[in-house]
Amino acid sequence: MVSHMKTTIIIADDLLNKAKARAREENSTLRAVVEEALRLRLSDGPPRRFRLRRHIFKGKGLQRGIAEGNWEQLRDLIYRVG
């Protein structure tokens, strides 16, 4: 059996407005939207930290004649047709 508790929370106006809009879009209630959001957030535990994997590429760096950091030159080479 699920029991319910009435409570008061203070949330940012823009967040409340988004939640109300979502409830209208889904023909639902604000309560249902908030409960679903809390269930989703709490179901997986704390968010996992993002780790960027290290990638190593074979090669000898930039082609001869390309200055490192010369973004205009690199852009022109990327879009060169031919």
Protein backbone atom coordinates (compact mmCIF):
# COMPACT_ATOMS: atom_id res chain seq x y z
CA MET A 1 0.00 0.00 0.00
CA VAL A 2 1.30 3.42 -0.96
CA SER A 3 0.79 6.16 1.56
CA HIS A 4 0.89 9.82 0.69
CA MET A 5 2.24 12.75 2.62
CA LYS A 6 1.40 16.36 2.00
CA THR A 7 4.47 18.57 2.01
CA THR A 8 5.65 21.97 0.86
CA ILE A 9 8.73 22.54 -1.25
CA ILE A 10 10.26 25.70 -2.63
CA ILE A 11 11.47 25.45 -6.22
CA ALA A 12 12.57 27.96 -8.83
CA ASP A 13 9.78 29.63 -10.80
CA ASP A 14 11.14 28.55 -14.18
CA LEU A 15 11.34 24.93 -13.06
CA LEU A 16 7.79 25.01 -11.75
CA ASN A 17 6.57 26.55 -15.00
CA LYS A 18 8.30 23.81 -17.01
CA ALA A 19 6.77 21.12 -14.82
CA LYS A 20 3.29 22.64 -15.19
CA ALA A 21 3.73 22.88 -18.96
CA ARG A 22 4.82 19.23 -19.12
CA ALA A 23 1.77 18.21 -17.09
CA ARG A 24 -0.50 20.07 -19.53
CA GLU A 25 1.27 18.52 -22.56
CA GLU A 26 0.83 15.03 -21.13
CA ASN A 27 -2.71 15.70 -19.88
CA SER A 28 -1.43 14.87 -16.42
CA THR A 29 -1.07 16.57 -13.05
CA LEU A 30 1.79 18.54 -11.57
CA ARG A 31 1.94 15.97 -8.79
CA ALA A 32 2.39 13.11 -11.27
CA VAL A 33 5.15 14.94 -13.13
CA VAL A 34 7.04 15.76 -9.92
CA GLU A 35 6.65 12.19 -8.60
CA GLU A 36 7.90 10.72 -11.88
CA ALA A 37 10.89 13.07 -11.93
CA LEU A 38 11.79 12.18 -8.35
CA ARG A 39 11.43 8.46 -9.03
CA LEU A 40 13.67 8.70 -12.08
CA ARG A 41 16.30 10.73 -10.23
CA LEU A 42 16.31 8.54 -7.15
CA SER A 43 16.11 5.15 -8.88
CA ASP A 44 19.68 5.03 -10.19
CA GLY A 45 21.41 6.44 -7.15
CA PRO A 46 24.01 9.15 -7.53
CA PRO A 47 24.90 10.15 -11.08
CA ARG A 48 27.99 8.54 -12.51
CA ARG A 49 30.93 10.81 -13.15
CA PHE A 50 31.91 11.31 -16.77
CA ARG A 51 35.35 9.98 -17.70
CA LEU A 52 36.91 10.87 -21.01
CA ARG A 53 38.79 7.88 -22.31
CA ARG A 54 42.29 8.48 -23.55
CA HIS A 55 42.83 7.92 -27.26
CA ILE A 56 46.20 7.70 -28.95
CA PHE A 57 46.51 8.06 -32.70
CA LYS A 58 49.35 6.84 -34.84
CA GLY A 59 51.01 9.39 -37.03
CA LYS A 60 53.58 12.13 -37.08
CA GLY A 61 51.39 15.08 -36.20
CA LEU A 62 50.42 17.85 -38.56
CA GLN A 63 51.29 17.77 -42.22
CA ARG A 64 54.34 19.70 -43.30
CA GLY A 65 53.55 23.35 -43.90
CA ILE A 66 50.66 23.59 -41.42
CA ALA A 67 51.27 25.85 -38.45
CA GLU A 68 49.94 24.52 -35.14
CA GLY A 69 47.06 26.66 -33.96
CA ASN A 70 46.45 28.25 -37.36
CA TRP A 71 42.72 27.51 -37.40
CA GLU A 72 41.98 29.51 -40.54
CA GLN A 73 44.50 27.44 -42.50
CA LEU A 74 43.10 24.17 -41.11
CA ARG A 75 39.53 25.25 -41.90
CA ASP A 76 40.51 26.12 -45.48
CA LEU A 77 42.17 22.71 -45.92
CA ILE A 78 39.15 20.88 -44.51
CA TYR A 79 36.73 22.55 -46.90
CA ARG A 80 39.04 22.49 -49.92
CA VAL A 81 37.45 20.69 -52.83
CA GLY A 82 39.58 18.51 -54.92
